[in-house]
């Protein structure tokens, strides 16, 4: 049996300033150093169970090359964690909007980023289930 394709398509991207501000304002956050995950259950204009945005502030990584690399690594880590997260999201339940904010001052390796993002997503889902 083949494994599902690990993709991160356009309709899974959290877009729009108003929607991102709403997640930032009303969402419930948790820290999994060096990431801050802010999430909010809300109706989204897509059929995907979740939409995600990634932010790497210039304050933390000054060089655009480093910021872009970190966002690319974060997207890759999310892409690999997505199948297990989607399994945990209930069908028919409100969709989830997540915002990842990177808070370290150096670029991390892929393995560490994958571990932290996966742990943050599962922690958020555990706390949301309560």
N, C-alpha and C. Protein backbone atom coordinates (compact mmCIF):
# COMPACT_ATOMS: atom_id res chain seq x y z
N UNK A 1 0.85 -1.18 0.00
CA UNK A 1 0.00 0.00 0.00
C UNK A 1 0.89 1.24 0.00
N UNK A 2 0.57 2.20 -0.82
CA UNK A 2 1.40 3.41 -0.91
C UNK A 2 1.00 4.41 0.17
N UNK A 3 1.98 5.18 0.61
CA UNK A 3 1.70 6.19 1.63
C UNK A 3 1.08 7.41 0.96
N UNK A 4 0.32 8.20 1.70
CA UNK A 4 -0.31 9.38 1.11
C UNK A 4 0.75 10.40 0.69
N UNK A 5 0.44 11.17 -0.33
CA UNK A 5 1.36 12.21 -0.78
C UNK A 5 1.46 13.30 0.26
N UNK A 6 2.65 13.69 0.57
CA UNK A 6 2.88 14.74 1.56
C UNK A 6 2.94 16.07 0.82
N UNK A 7 1.83 16.80 0.85
CA UNK A 7 1.74 18.05 0.13
C UNK A 7 1.35 19.18 1.07
N UNK A 8 1.57 20.39 0.62
CA UNK A 8 1.11 21.59 1.33
C UNK A 8 0.60 22.54 0.26
N UNK A 9 -0.66 22.38 -0.07
CA UNK A 9 -1.26 23.09 -1.20
C UNK A 9 -1.73 24.49 -0.83
N UNK A 10 -2.01 25.26 -1.85
CA UNK A 10 -2.38 26.65 -1.69
C UNK A 10 -3.61 26.82 -0.78
N UNK A 11 -4.60 25.95 -0.92
CA UNK A 11 -5.81 26.10 -0.11
C UNK A 11 -5.56 25.77 1.37
N UNK A 12 -4.38 25.27 1.71
CA UNK A 12 -4.03 25.01 3.11
C UNK A 12 -3.22 26.15 3.73
N UNK A 13 -2.92 27.17 2.94
CA UNK A 13 -2.19 28.33 3.44
C UNK A 13 -3.17 29.30 4.10
N UNK A 14 -2.84 29.77 5.27
CA UNK A 14 -3.65 30.77 5.95
C UNK A 14 -3.29 32.13 5.37
N UNK A 15 -4.24 32.75 4.69
CA UNK A 15 -3.97 34.01 3.99
C UNK A 15 -4.95 35.07 4.46
N UNK A 16 -4.62 36.30 4.21
CA UNK A 16 -5.52 37.40 4.50
C UNK A 16 -5.19 38.04 5.83
N UNK A 17 -4.93 39.34 5.77
CA UNK A 17 -4.53 40.06 6.97
C UNK A 17 -5.58 39.98 8.08
N UNK A 18 -6.86 40.10 7.72
CA UNK A 18 -7.91 40.08 8.74
C UNK A 18 -7.99 38.73 9.44
N UNK A 19 -7.89 37.65 8.66
CA UNK A 19 -7.98 36.32 9.25
C UNK A 19 -6.77 36.05 10.16
N UNK A 20 -5.58 36.44 9.71
CA UNK A 20 -4.37 36.24 10.52
C UNK A 20 -4.45 37.07 11.80
N UNK A 21 -4.95 38.30 11.70
CA UNK A 21 -5.10 39.13 12.90
C UNK A 21 -6.09 38.52 13.88
N UNK A 22 -7.16 37.93 13.36
CA UNK A 22 -8.15 37.29 14.23
C UNK A 22 -7.53 36.11 14.98
N UNK A 23 -6.74 35.30 14.28
CA UNK A 23 -6.06 34.18 14.93
C UNK A 23 -5.11 34.71 15.99
N UNK A 24 -4.38 35.75 15.66
CA UNK A 24 -3.40 36.32 16.59
C UNK A 24 -4.10 36.90 17.82
N UNK A 25 -5.26 37.55 17.62
CA UNK A 25 -5.97 38.21 18.72
C UNK A 25 -6.74 37.22 19.59
N UNK A 26 -7.50 36.31 18.96
CA UNK A 26 -8.40 35.45 19.72
C UNK A 26 -7.89 34.03 19.91
N UNK A 27 -6.82 33.68 19.23
CA UNK A 27 -6.32 32.31 19.28
C UNK A 27 -5.66 31.95 20.60
N UNK A 28 -5.58 30.66 20.82
CA UNK A 28 -4.93 30.13 22.01
C UNK A 28 -3.52 29.70 21.62
N UNK A 29 -2.54 30.19 22.35
CA UNK A 29 -1.16 29.91 21.99
C UNK A 29 -0.45 29.02 22.98
N UNK A 30 0.63 28.44 22.50
CA UNK A 30 1.53 27.68 23.36
C UNK A 30 2.94 27.82 22.79
N UNK A 31 3.91 27.62 23.65
CA UNK A 31 5.30 27.73 23.23
C UNK A 31 5.96 26.36 23.23
N UNK A 32 6.66 26.10 22.18
CA UNK A 32 7.52 24.92 22.06
C UNK A 32 8.81 25.48 21.48
N UNK A 33 9.67 25.94 22.40
CA UNK A 33 10.86 26.71 22.01
C UNK A 33 11.57 26.06 20.84
N UNK A 34 11.91 26.80 19.83
CA UNK A 34 11.82 28.25 19.63
C UNK A 34 10.58 28.69 18.86
N UNK A 35 9.50 27.92 18.92
CA UNK A 35 8.29 28.27 18.18
C UNK A 35 7.19 28.70 19.13
N UNK A 36 6.35 29.58 18.63
CA UNK A 36 5.11 29.95 19.29
C UNK A 36 4.01 29.53 18.33
N UNK A 37 3.10 28.69 18.78
CA UNK A 37 1.99 28.24 17.96
C UNK A 37 0.71 28.87 18.49
N UNK A 38 0.02 29.58 17.61
CA UNK A 38 -1.24 30.21 17.97
C UNK A 38 -2.30 29.58 17.08
N UNK A 39 -3.35 29.06 17.69
CA UNK A 39 -4.38 28.38 16.92
C UNK A 39 -5.77 28.80 17.33
N UNK A 40 -6.68 28.70 16.38
CA UNK A 40 -8.07 29.08 16.63
C UNK A 40 -8.98 28.21 15.78
N UNK A 41 -9.98 27.62 16.42
CA UNK A 41 -11.00 26.87 15.67
C UNK A 41 -11.96 27.89 15.09
N UNK A 42 -12.10 27.85 13.76
CA UNK A 42 -12.96 28.81 13.08
C UNK A 42 -13.34 28.26 11.71
N UNK A 43 -14.36 28.84 11.11
CA UNK A 43 -14.76 28.45 9.76
C UNK A 43 -13.78 29.08 8.77
N UNK A 44 -13.32 28.28 7.83
CA UNK A 44 -12.36 28.73 6.84
C UNK A 44 -12.94 28.56 5.44
N UNK A 45 -12.51 29.39 4.49
CA UNK A 45 -13.06 29.30 3.14
C UNK A 45 -12.40 28.20 2.30
N UNK A 46 -12.31 27.01 2.85
CA UNK A 46 -11.70 25.89 2.15
C UNK A 46 -12.28 24.59 2.69
N UNK A 47 -12.03 23.49 2.00
CA UNK A 47 -12.49 22.21 2.52
C UNK A 47 -11.41 21.51 3.33
N UNK A 48 -10.23 22.10 3.45
CA UNK A 48 -9.15 21.53 4.25
C UNK A 48 -9.48 21.65 5.73
N UNK A 49 -9.09 20.67 6.55
CA UNK A 49 -9.38 20.75 7.98
C UNK A 49 -8.59 21.84 8.70
N UNK A 50 -7.48 22.29 8.10
CA UNK A 50 -6.65 23.30 8.75
C UNK A 50 -5.97 24.18 7.71
N UNK A 51 -5.70 25.41 8.12
CA UNK A 51 -4.87 26.32 7.33
C UNK A 51 -3.75 26.82 8.24
N UNK A 52 -2.57 27.04 7.65
CA UNK A 52 -1.39 27.37 8.44
C UNK A 52 -0.64 28.53 7.81
N UNK A 53 -0.07 29.38 8.66
CA UNK A 53 0.82 30.45 8.22
C UNK A 53 2.10 30.37 9.06
N UNK A 54 3.20 30.80 8.47
CA UNK A 54 4.50 30.76 9.13
C UNK A 54 5.09 32.15 9.13
N UNK A 55 5.63 32.55 10.28
CA UNK A 55 6.22 33.88 10.41
C UNK A 55 7.60 33.77 11.04
N UNK A 56 8.56 34.47 10.42
CA UNK A 56 9.91 34.57 10.96
C UNK A 56 10.23 36.06 11.02
N UNK A 57 10.10 36.69 12.19
CA UNK A 57 10.29 38.12 12.28
C UNK A 57 11.72 38.56 11.96
N UNK A 58 11.82 39.70 11.34
CA UNK A 58 13.12 40.28 11.00
C UNK A 58 13.91 40.60 12.25
N UNK A 59 13.21 40.86 13.32
CA UNK A 59 13.85 41.14 14.61
C UNK A 59 14.76 39.99 15.04
N UNK A 60 14.36 38.76 14.72
CA UNK A 60 15.12 37.59 15.15
C UNK A 60 16.17 37.14 14.14
N UNK A 61 15.82 37.12 12.87
CA UNK A 61 16.77 36.75 11.82
C UNK A 61 16.87 37.92 10.85
N UNK A 62 17.97 38.63 10.89
CA UNK A 62 18.12 39.86 10.12
C UNK A 62 18.22 39.61 8.62
N UNK A 63 18.90 38.56 8.23
CA UNK A 63 19.14 38.32 6.80
C UNK A 63 17.94 37.63 6.16
N UNK A 64 17.51 38.16 5.02
CA UNK A 64 16.37 37.60 4.32
C UNK A 64 16.62 36.14 3.92
N UNK A 65 17.85 35.82 3.59
CA UNK A 65 18.20 34.45 3.22
C UNK A 65 17.89 33.50 4.37
N UNK A 66 18.23 33.91 5.58
CA UNK A 66 17.98 33.08 6.77
C UNK A 66 16.49 32.98 7.06
N UNK A 67 15.76 34.09 6.93
CA UNK A 67 14.31 34.06 7.17
C UNK A 67 13.62 33.15 6.17
N UNK A 68 13.98 33.28 4.91
CA UNK A 68 13.36 32.44 3.88
C UNK A 68 13.68 30.97 4.08
N UNK A 69 14.92 30.66 4.44
CA UNK A 69 15.30 29.28 4.69
C UNK A 69 14.51 28.70 5.86
N UNK A 70 14.37 29.50 6.93
CA UNK A 70 13.66 29.01 8.11
C UNK A 70 12.19 28.75 7.77
N UNK A 71 11.57 29.63 7.00
CA UNK A 71 10.18 29.41 6.61
C UNK A 71 10.05 28.16 5.74
N UNK A 72 11.01 27.94 4.85
CA UNK A 72 10.99 26.76 3.99
C UNK A 72 11.12 25.48 4.84
N UNK A 73 12.02 25.51 5.83
CA UNK A 73 12.21 24.35 6.71
C UNK A 73 10.96 24.11 7.55
N UNK A 74 10.32 25.19 8.01
CA UNK A 74 9.09 25.05 8.80
C UNK A 74 7.96 24.46 7.96
N UNK A 75 7.83 24.91 6.72
CA UNK A 75 6.79 24.36 5.84
C UNK A 75 7.02 22.88 5.58
N UNK A 76 8.28 22.52 5.37
CA UNK A 76 8.63 21.11 5.14
C UNK A 76 8.29 20.26 6.37
N UNK A 77 8.60 20.77 7.55
CA UNK A 77 8.30 20.03 8.78
C UNK A 77 6.79 19.86 8.95
N UNK A 78 6.03 20.91 8.66
CA UNK A 78 4.57 20.81 8.76
C UNK A 78 4.03 19.80 7.76
N UNK A 79 4.57 19.82 6.56
CA UNK A 79 4.14 18.92 5.50
C UNK A 79 4.28 17.46 5.94
N UNK A 80 5.35 17.15 6.66
CA UNK A 80 5.57 15.79 7.13
C UNK A 80 4.71 15.44 8.34
N UNK A 81 4.37 16.44 9.15
CA UNK A 81 3.55 16.19 10.35
C UNK A 81 2.06 16.18 10.02
N UNK A 82 1.69 16.71 8.88
CA UNK A 82 0.28 16.90 8.54
C UNK A 82 -0.57 15.63 8.55
N UNK A 83 -0.13 14.49 8.01
CA UNK A 83 -1.03 13.32 8.02
C UNK A 83 -1.48 12.90 9.41
N UNK A 84 -0.59 12.88 10.39
CA UNK A 84 -0.99 12.49 11.74
C UNK A 84 -1.89 13.54 12.38
N UNK A 85 -1.66 14.79 12.05
CA UNK A 85 -2.49 15.87 12.61
C UNK A 85 -3.89 15.81 12.00
N UNK A 86 -3.97 15.62 10.68
CA UNK A 86 -5.27 15.55 10.03
C UNK A 86 -6.08 14.37 10.55
N UNK A 87 -5.39 13.26 10.89
CA UNK A 87 -6.10 12.11 11.46
C UNK A 87 -6.76 12.48 12.78
N UNK A 88 -6.11 13.35 13.55
CA UNK A 88 -6.65 13.74 14.86
C UNK A 88 -7.75 14.78 14.77
N UNK A 89 -7.77 15.54 13.68
CA UNK A 89 -8.83 16.53 13.52
C UNK A 89 -10.12 15.80 13.17
N UNK A 90 -11.14 16.09 13.88
CA UNK A 90 -12.41 15.39 13.70
C UNK A 90 -13.11 15.87 12.42
N UNK A 91 -13.72 14.93 11.71
CA UNK A 91 -14.50 15.28 10.54
C UNK A 91 -15.74 16.05 10.98
N UNK A 92 -16.04 17.10 10.27
CA UNK A 92 -17.24 17.89 10.57
C UNK A 92 -17.05 18.89 11.68
N UNK A 93 -15.96 18.78 12.45
CA UNK A 93 -15.71 19.76 13.50
C UNK A 93 -15.24 21.06 12.87
N UNK A 94 -15.31 22.16 13.60
CA UNK A 94 -14.82 23.42 13.04
C UNK A 94 -13.37 23.27 12.59
N UNK A 95 -13.04 23.98 11.54
CA UNK A 95 -11.68 23.92 11.03
C UNK A 95 -10.74 24.68 11.97
N UNK A 96 -9.44 24.51 11.74
CA UNK A 96 -8.44 25.13 12.60
C UNK A 96 -7.54 26.03 11.77
N UNK A 97 -7.23 27.20 12.30
CA UNK A 97 -6.26 28.10 11.69
C UNK A 97 -5.07 28.18 12.65
N UNK A 98 -3.88 27.91 12.14
CA UNK A 98 -2.67 27.94 12.97
C UNK A 98 -1.70 28.97 12.45
N UNK A 99 -0.98 29.58 13.36
CA UNK A 99 0.07 30.54 13.02
C UNK A 99 1.32 30.15 13.80
N UNK A 100 2.40 29.82 13.09
CA UNK A 100 3.68 29.51 13.71
C UNK A 100 4.56 30.74 13.66
N UNK A 101 5.11 31.13 14.81
CA UNK A 101 6.04 32.26 14.87
C UNK A 101 7.36 31.73 15.39
N UNK A 102 8.41 31.98 14.62
CA UNK A 102 9.76 31.54 14.98
C UNK A 102 10.39 32.58 15.89
N UNK A 103 11.02 32.15 17.01
CA UNK A 103 11.49 33.11 17.99
C UNK A 103 12.97 32.95 18.36
N UNK A 104 13.73 32.20 17.59
CA UNK A 104 15.16 32.04 17.90
C UNK A 104 15.97 32.99 17.02
N UNK A 105 17.23 33.11 17.34
CA UNK A 105 18.11 34.01 16.60
C UNK A 105 19.07 33.29 15.67
N UNK A 106 18.95 31.97 15.55
CA UNK A 106 19.79 31.22 14.62
C UNK A 106 18.93 30.23 13.85
N UNK A 107 19.41 29.80 12.70
CA UNK A 107 18.70 28.84 11.87
C UNK A 107 18.92 27.44 12.44
N UNK A 108 17.83 26.68 12.59
CA UNK A 108 17.91 25.33 13.14
C UNK A 108 17.94 24.30 12.02
N UNK A 109 18.34 23.09 12.38
CA UNK A 109 18.37 21.98 11.43
C UNK A 109 16.97 21.40 11.25
N UNK A 110 16.78 20.76 10.11
CA UNK A 110 15.48 20.19 9.73
C UNK A 110 14.93 19.21 10.77
N UNK A 111 15.77 18.33 11.29
CA UNK A 111 15.29 17.31 12.23
C UNK A 111 14.72 17.94 13.50
N UNK A 112 15.41 18.93 14.03
CA UNK A 112 14.94 19.58 15.25
C UNK A 112 13.65 20.34 15.00
N UNK A 113 13.57 21.03 13.88
CA UNK A 113 12.37 21.78 13.53
C UNK A 113 11.19 20.82 13.36
N UNK A 114 11.39 19.70 12.69
CA UNK A 114 10.32 18.72 12.51
C UNK A 114 9.81 18.20 13.84
N UNK A 115 10.73 17.88 14.73
CA UNK A 115 10.35 17.35 16.05
C UNK A 115 9.55 18.39 16.83
N UNK A 116 10.00 19.64 16.82
CA UNK A 116 9.34 20.69 17.61
C UNK A 116 7.97 21.05 17.05
N UNK A 117 7.87 21.14 15.73
CA UNK A 117 6.58 21.50 15.12
C UNK A 117 5.56 20.39 15.35
N UNK A 118 5.98 19.15 15.18
CA UNK A 118 5.07 18.03 15.42
C UNK A 118 4.61 18.02 16.88
N UNK A 119 5.54 18.22 17.80
CA UNK A 119 5.19 18.24 19.22
C UNK A 119 4.24 19.40 19.54
N UNK A 120 4.48 20.56 18.95
CA UNK A 120 3.62 21.72 19.20
C UNK A 120 2.20 21.47 18.69
N UNK A 121 2.08 20.91 17.50
CA UNK A 121 0.76 20.63 16.94
C UNK A 121 -0.01 19.62 17.80
N UNK A 122 0.67 18.56 18.22
CA UNK A 122 -0.01 17.55 19.04
C UNK A 122 -0.35 18.10 20.43
N UNK A 123 0.50 18.92 21.00
CA UNK A 123 0.17 19.56 22.29
C UNK A 123 -1.05 20.45 22.15
N UNK A 124 -1.11 21.23 21.06
CA UNK A 124 -2.24 22.12 20.85
C UNK A 124 -3.53 21.31 20.73
N UNK A 125 -3.49 20.22 19.98
CA UNK A 125 -4.67 19.38 19.82
C UNK A 125 -5.08 18.72 21.14
N UNK A 126 -4.08 18.29 21.94
CA UNK A 126 -4.38 17.71 23.25
C UNK A 126 -5.08 18.71 24.15
N UNK A 127 -4.56 19.94 24.19
CA UNK A 127 -5.14 20.97 25.05
C UNK A 127 -6.49 21.42 24.54
N UNK A 128 -6.68 21.40 23.23
CA UNK A 128 -7.96 21.81 22.64
C UNK A 128 -9.04 20.78 22.94
N UNK A 129 -8.65 19.52 23.07
CA UNK A 129 -9.64 18.46 23.33
C UNK A 129 -10.20 18.54 24.74
N UNK A 130 -9.53 19.20 25.62
CA UNK A 130 -10.00 19.30 27.01
C UNK A 130 -11.18 20.20 27.16
